[in-house]
Protein backbone atom coordinates (compact mmCIF):
# COMPACT_ATOMS: atom_id res chain seq x y z
CA UNK A 1 7.43 37.56 -57.19
CA UNK A 2 9.99 37.27 -60.11
CA UNK A 3 12.44 34.87 -60.70
CA UNK A 4 14.43 31.40 -59.16
CA UNK A 5 16.04 34.09 -56.63
CA UNK A 6 12.60 35.35 -55.71
CA UNK A 7 11.08 32.39 -55.33
CA UNK A 8 13.88 30.98 -53.07
CA UNK A 9 13.67 33.83 -50.72
CA UNK A 10 9.86 33.41 -50.35
CA UNK A 11 10.38 29.91 -49.19
CA UNK A 12 12.91 30.87 -46.62
CA UNK A 13 10.86 33.27 -45.13
CA UNK A 14 7.62 31.49 -45.05
CA UNK A 15 9.30 28.31 -43.69
CA UNK A 16 11.19 30.30 -40.86
CA UNK A 17 8.05 30.57 -38.61
CA UNK A 18 8.05 26.75 -38.30
CA UNK A 19 12.18 26.22 -38.52
CA UNK A 20 12.27 28.97 -35.16
CA UNK A 21 9.68 26.94 -33.53
CA UNK A 22 11.87 24.06 -33.80
CA UNK A 23 14.85 25.38 -32.26
CA UNK A 24 15.58 25.58 -28.42
CA UNK A 25 15.09 28.88 -27.03
CA UNK A 26 13.48 30.38 -30.29
CA UNK A 27 10.19 31.39 -31.02
CA UNK A 28 7.18 32.06 -34.02
CA UNK A 29 5.51 35.23 -34.58
CA UNK A 30 8.03 37.01 -36.41
CA UNK A 31 5.57 39.97 -37.06
CA UNK A 32 5.18 40.75 -33.58
CA UNK A 33 8.85 41.60 -33.70
CA UNK A 34 8.63 44.03 -36.01
CA UNK A 35 7.85 47.77 -35.05
CA UNK A 36 4.10 48.40 -35.87
CA UNK A 37 4.45 52.19 -36.88
CA UNK A 38 6.71 54.19 -38.81
CA UNK A 39 7.38 56.17 -36.03
CA UNK A 40 8.18 53.60 -33.85
CA UNK A 41 10.26 52.27 -36.75
CA UNK A 42 12.21 55.35 -36.78
CA UNK A 43 13.03 55.17 -33.16
CA UNK A 44 14.68 51.62 -33.52
CA UNK A 45 11.39 50.23 -32.03
CA UNK A 46 11.92 52.05 -28.42
CA UNK A 47 8.52 52.50 -27.85
CA UNK A 48 7.63 51.40 -24.43
CA UNK A 49 7.62 54.94 -23.03
CA UNK A 50 6.54 56.85 -25.80
CA UNK A 51 2.77 57.76 -24.94
CA UNK A 52 -0.10 59.26 -26.51
CA UNK A 53 -0.75 57.88 -29.88
CA UNK A 54 -2.02 54.77 -31.58
CA UNK A 55 1.29 53.27 -31.80
CA UNK A 56 0.50 52.46 -27.91
CA UNK A 57 -1.63 49.45 -29.32
CA UNK A 58 0.36 47.55 -30.61
CA UNK A 59 3.87 48.27 -28.01
CA UNK A 60 2.92 49.11 -24.16
CA UNK A 61 -1.05 49.34 -24.11
CA UNK A 62 -0.75 51.49 -21.22
CA UNK A 63 0.51 54.32 -23.17
CA UNK A 64 -3.42 55.10 -24.46
CA UNK A 65 -3.80 56.68 -21.36
CA UNK A 66 -1.96 59.67 -22.91
CA UNK A 67 -4.71 60.31 -25.69
CA UNK A 68 -7.10 63.10 -25.01
CA UNK A 69 -9.50 62.32 -27.65
CA UNK A 70 -8.74 59.71 -29.91
CA UNK A 71 -5.89 58.50 -32.35
CA UNK A 72 -5.86 57.12 -35.79
CA UNK A 73 -2.95 55.90 -37.86
CA UNK A 74 -2.13 54.08 -40.77
CA UNK A 75 1.43 52.78 -42.25
CA UNK A 76 2.60 51.00 -45.29
CA UNK A 77 6.11 49.69 -45.80
CA UNK A 78 7.33 47.79 -49.24
CA UNK A 79 8.98 44.93 -47.53
CA UNK A 80 11.51 42.61 -49.15
CA UNK A 81 11.19 41.63 -53.04
CA UNK A 82 7.50 42.33 -54.05
CA UNK A 83 6.08 41.53 -50.28
CA UNK A 84 4.41 44.53 -47.88
CA UNK A 85 3.43 45.33 -44.54
CA UNK A 86 0.56 47.28 -43.30
CA UNK A 87 -0.73 48.04 -40.49
CA UNK A 88 -3.60 50.20 -39.02
CA UNK A 89 -4.87 51.47 -35.93
CA UNK A 90 -7.63 53.26 -33.98
CA UNK A 91 -7.92 54.50 -30.75
CA UNK A 92 -10.44 56.92 -28.11
CA UNK A 93 -11.20 57.49 -24.72
CA UNK A 94 -14.06 57.09 -22.70
CA UNK A 95 -13.98 58.16 -19.32
CA UNK A 96 -11.34 56.68 -17.31
CA UNK A 97 -10.55 54.08 -20.05
CA UNK A 98 -8.70 54.66 -23.58
CA UNK A 99 -9.68 51.62 -26.09
CA UNK A 100 -7.79 50.75 -29.06
CA UNK A 101 -8.23 48.44 -32.11
CA UNK A 102 -5.23 48.01 -34.34
CA UNK A 103 -4.34 45.24 -37.49
CA UNK A 104 -1.29 44.38 -39.07
CA UNK A 105 -0.26 42.32 -42.36
CA UNK A 106 2.89 41.50 -43.70
CA UNK A 107 2.11 39.91 -47.03
CA UNK A 108 4.60 37.87 -49.01
CA UNK A 109 3.12 38.32 -52.34
CA UNK A 110 2.68 34.90 -54.63
CA UNK A 111 4.75 33.34 -57.31
CA UNK A 112 4.09 30.59 -60.14
CA UNK A 113 3.54 26.85 -59.14
CA UNK A 114 6.21 24.71 -60.90
CA UNK A 115 5.25 21.17 -62.09
CA UNK A 116 7.77 18.40 -62.95
CA UNK A 117 7.36 18.24 -67.15
CA UNK A 118 6.27 14.75 -68.09
CA UNK A 119 8.36 15.60 -71.43
CA UNK A 120 11.67 15.69 -69.73
CA UNK A 121 10.88 12.99 -67.81
CA UNK A 122 10.24 15.51 -64.52
CA UNK A 123 14.12 16.85 -64.78
CA UNK A 124 12.39 20.01 -65.84
CA UNK A 125 9.77 21.95 -64.46
CA UNK A 126 6.59 23.64 -66.50
CA UNK A 127 4.34 26.38 -65.08
CA UNK A 128 0.91 25.03 -63.84
CA UNK A 129 -1.33 24.96 -66.40
CA UNK A 130 -4.09 26.04 -64.45
CA UNK A 131 -2.13 29.06 -63.42
CA UNK A 132 -1.97 27.80 -59.62
CA UNK A 133 0.44 30.22 -57.57
CA UNK A 134 2.27 29.91 -54.06
CA UNK A 135 1.17 33.07 -51.68
CA UNK A 136 1.66 33.56 -47.72
CA UNK A 137 0.84 35.92 -45.19
CA UNK A 138 1.48 36.84 -41.40
CA UNK A 139 -1.44 38.60 -39.84
CA UNK A 140 -2.43 40.15 -36.41
CA UNK A 141 -5.78 41.70 -35.30
CA UNK A 142 -5.55 43.69 -31.57
CA UNK A 143 -7.67 45.01 -29.17
CA UNK A 144 -6.21 46.93 -26.15
CA UNK A 145 -7.36 49.06 -23.19
CA UNK A 146 -5.69 51.55 -20.62
CA UNK A 147 -7.09 52.52 -17.38
CA UNK A 148 -5.75 56.09 -16.21
CA UNK A 149 -4.99 56.29 -12.06
CA UNK A 150 -3.88 59.71 -12.17
CA UNK A 151 0.05 60.22 -13.53
CA UNK A 152 -0.19 56.13 -13.48
CA UNK A 153 -1.92 54.00 -16.35
CA UNK A 154 -2.54 49.95 -16.46
CA UNK A 155 -3.30 48.40 -20.02
CA UNK A 156 -3.62 45.47 -21.60
CA UNK A 157 -3.86 43.81 -25.24
CA UNK A 158 -4.99 40.48 -26.66
CA UNK A 159 -3.72 39.41 -30.11
CA UNK A 160 -4.60 37.01 -32.43
CA UNK A 161 -2.10 36.00 -35.04
CA UNK A 162 -2.29 34.08 -37.93
CA UNK A 163 1.00 32.70 -40.11
CA UNK A 164 -0.36 30.64 -43.47
CA UNK A 165 1.20 29.67 -46.54
CA UNK A 166 -0.65 27.22 -49.03
CA UNK A 167 -1.10 26.71 -52.76
CA UNK A 168 -4.78 26.13 -54.43
CA UNK A 169 -6.12 22.91 -52.12
CA UNK A 170 -3.01 22.56 -50.27
CA UNK A 171 -1.99 24.36 -46.86
CA UNK A 172 1.75 23.88 -46.70
CA UNK A 173 1.95 25.46 -43.37
CA UNK A 174 -0.68 27.02 -40.96
CA UNK A 175 -0.29 28.93 -37.40
CA UNK A 176 -2.92 30.37 -35.27
CA UNK A 177 -3.55 31.48 -31.39
CA UNK A 178 -4.25 34.27 -28.85
CA UNK A 179 -1.14 36.49 -27.32
CA UNK A 180 -1.65 38.76 -24.22
CA UNK A 181 0.37 41.75 -23.21
CA UNK A 182 0.44 43.67 -19.92
CA UNK A 183 2.07 47.08 -19.22
CA UNK A 184 2.15 50.14 -16.60
CA UNK A 185 3.52 53.64 -17.22
CA UNK A 186 3.96 56.44 -15.16
CA UNK A 187 3.61 59.90 -16.92
CA UNK A 188 4.97 63.29 -15.08
CA UNK A 189 2.81 65.59 -17.21
CA UNK A 190 5.21 66.13 -20.55
CA UNK A 191 8.23 65.81 -19.21
CA UNK A 192 9.16 62.36 -19.10
CA UNK A 193 7.43 58.79 -19.25
CA UNK A 194 8.63 55.50 -18.14
CA UNK A 195 7.18 52.14 -18.89
CA UNK A 196 7.41 48.56 -18.10
CA UNK A 197 5.62 45.37 -20.64
CA UNK A 198 5.24 41.86 -20.66
CA UNK A 199 4.34 40.71 -24.41
CA UNK A 200 3.03 37.78 -25.82
CA UNK A 201 1.88 36.03 -22.92
CA UNK A 202 -0.01 32.64 -23.84
CA UNK A 203 0.04 29.04 -25.06
CA UNK A 204 1.74 28.25 -27.82
CA UNK A 205 0.33 28.66 -31.58
CA UNK A 206 -1.51 26.08 -32.79
CA UNK A 207 0.41 24.88 -36.11
CA UNK A 208 -0.82 22.50 -39.11
CA UNK A 209 2.34 20.42 -38.88
CA UNK A 210 2.14 19.80 -34.91
CA UNK A 211 5.23 21.67 -34.16
CA UNK A 212 5.17 23.18 -31.00
CA UNK A 213 5.15 27.69 -31.98
CA UNK A 214 5.88 29.23 -29.00
CA UNK A 215 5.06 33.06 -29.03
CA UNK A 216 8.12 35.47 -28.65
CA UNK A 217 7.61 36.49 -24.92
CA UNK A 218 9.34 39.66 -24.43
CA UNK A 219 9.76 41.93 -21.15
CA UNK A 220 10.38 45.37 -21.72
CA UNK A 221 11.20 48.78 -19.80
CA UNK A 222 11.63 52.17 -21.29
CA UNK A 223 11.70 55.54 -20.50
CA UNK A 224 11.26 58.88 -22.66
CA UNK A 225 12.82 62.09 -21.52
CA UNK A 226 11.90 65.67 -23.41
CA UNK A 227 14.44 67.71 -22.93
CA UNK A 228 12.94 70.75 -24.10
CA UNK A 229 9.02 71.65 -23.58
CA UNK A 230 7.08 69.62 -25.93
CA UNK A 231 4.18 72.58 -26.86
CA UNK A 232 6.94 75.40 -27.53
CA UNK A 233 9.10 75.70 -31.11
CA UNK A 234 12.16 73.47 -30.59
CA UNK A 235 11.48 69.50 -29.50
CA UNK A 236 14.04 67.05 -28.50
CA UNK A 237 13.15 63.74 -26.94
CA UNK A 238 15.41 60.99 -26.03
CA UNK A 239 13.70 57.53 -25.31
CA UNK A 240 15.37 54.09 -24.17
CA UNK A 241 14.20 50.38 -24.26
CA UNK A 242 15.77 47.82 -22.24
CA UNK A 243 14.57 44.44 -24.10
CA UNK A 244 15.09 40.87 -22.30
CA UNK A 245 13.62 38.15 -25.45
CA UNK A 246 12.83 34.74 -24.39
CA UNK A 247 15.53 32.43 -25.10
CA UNK A 248 17.88 35.18 -26.24
CA UNK A 249 20.32 37.86 -24.31
CA UNK A 250 18.55 41.14 -23.06
CA UNK A 251 19.74 44.37 -25.19
CA UNK A 252 19.26 48.06 -25.00
CA UNK A 253 17.68 50.64 -27.66
CA UNK A 254 18.04 53.83 -27.85
CA UNK A 255 16.38 56.43 -30.08
CA UNK A 256 16.25 60.40 -30.37
CA UNK A 257 13.48 62.69 -32.19
CA UNK A 258 13.98 66.75 -32.30
CA UNK A 259 12.64 69.38 -34.33
CA UNK A 260 10.71 72.17 -34.88
CA UNK A 261 7.31 73.02 -34.49
CA UNK A 262 5.95 76.32 -34.74
CA UNK A 263 2.06 77.65 -35.10
CA UNK A 264 1.13 73.71 -35.45
CA UNK A 265 3.60 73.14 -38.76
CA UNK A 266 6.82 71.64 -37.87
CA UNK A 267 9.58 68.93 -39.20
CA UNK A 268 10.83 66.13 -37.22
CA UNK A 269 13.92 63.60 -37.50
CA UNK A 270 14.32 60.81 -35.64
CA UNK A 271 17.20 58.04 -35.44
CA UNK A 272 17.37 54.85 -33.47
CA UNK A 273 20.44 52.23 -32.63
CA UNK A 274 19.94 48.80 -31.04
CA UNK A 275 23.13 47.93 -28.83
CA UNK A 276 24.19 43.95 -27.89
CA UNK A 277 21.50 42.66 -29.97
CA UNK A 278 21.41 38.99 -31.42
CA UNK A 279 22.41 39.43 -35.14
CA UNK A 280 19.69 39.83 -37.63
CA UNK A 281 19.18 40.73 -41.47
CA UNK A 282 18.39 44.08 -40.01
CA UNK A 283 20.70 46.80 -39.43
CA UNK A 284 20.84 47.89 -35.78
CA UNK A 285 20.71 51.89 -37.29
CA UNK A 286 17.26 52.94 -38.33
CA UNK A 287 16.27 56.28 -39.10
CA UNK A 288 12.65 58.65 -39.84
CA UNK A 289 11.42 62.05 -39.87
CA UNK A 290 7.89 63.14 -39.69
CA UNK A 291 5.77 66.47 -41.02
CA UNK A 292 3.86 67.87 -38.95
CA UNK A 293 0.67 70.13 -39.77
CA UNK A 294 -1.77 70.76 -36.94
CA UNK A 295 -3.19 67.48 -35.80
CA UNK A 296 -1.91 65.44 -38.86
CA UNK A 297 1.53 64.01 -38.72
CA UNK A 298 3.49 62.35 -41.72
CA UNK A 299 5.88 60.08 -40.65
CA UNK A 300 9.14 58.25 -42.78
CA UNK A 301 11.35 55.38 -41.24
CA UNK A 302 14.21 53.86 -43.42
CA UNK A 303 15.91 50.66 -42.41
CA UNK A 304 18.71 48.69 -43.88
CA UNK A 305 19.36 44.87 -44.36
CA UNK A 306 22.71 43.25 -43.83
CA UNK A 307 22.04 40.21 -45.84
CA UNK A 308 20.55 41.14 -49.19
CA UNK A 309 21.78 44.96 -49.20
CA UNK A 310 18.72 46.35 -49.03
CA UNK A 311 16.69 48.48 -47.38
CA UNK A 312 12.97 49.27 -46.60
CA UNK A 313 10.86 52.56 -46.73
CA UNK A 314 7.92 52.74 -44.34
CA UNK A 315 5.34 55.71 -44.42
CA UNK A 316 2.70 56.61 -42.11
CA UNK A 317 -0.24 58.79 -41.47
CA UNK A 318 -1.17 60.17 -38.02
CA UNK A 319 -4.29 62.12 -36.73
CA UNK A 320 -4.96 63.22 -33.34
CA UNK A 321 -7.54 65.25 -32.98
């Protein structure tokens, strides 16, 4: 990261988990609230009833039951300043079960540590002679499974979350713990799907400061409807999620995905918007798209930020053999 402004922004971002955990009705685990894949981000995060790809590992695990053989995906987002967000997931079918593994990491980058300069009585700073840097990251590992019961499916996942900020030989903040997600889905062939999920059940994170850090427990109920046959040339899907976070008011997210795919090759566009959500740095509207080449799909998503006047762009690659 470069300059005092970047250092200040990094410090604020890293302090946020602890600050949220000390506020009534708020939570830690900010990483878990960010859509994990480019397709999910392009739909505004309305993914509870979108089924059949690796994104279900991070959203509603019951949606894994629609995977026919396997699904693999990776995504990358250059986040604010010099930070970045990456995710990867893989799922496969085994009998009546679909199993998946995923990882996410938000790396805030690093900045030079400045020490008081004795030549100026400690009123000015000097770069650490040993080249020490301050760095931080949030990371999560996820294991998920889904059981098919005809048109119905049940799923669950376990997440290990770690939040860390340190300088050499000193941990400034550290938190870790397990969270659990349970969900269900009903898929009516390729026409429509409905889903419900309870995310991030579990005890508070264990923190180095001793302050409570509850997980962002959230209840979601959603739908996805294919207006036209998704096996044909034109594509049009409408999605929606009702979201009820712990300690905050509920809100809706609506998304749209449409385009043309012919002979296994095509172009898709996406848009998502959150209505009634509590104010945040992220704008309520997100946009995206995808290039389809047979079993491969290259995804893209864009979302602006209100406070910093900038935006993030995420790219993803998905393989559905």
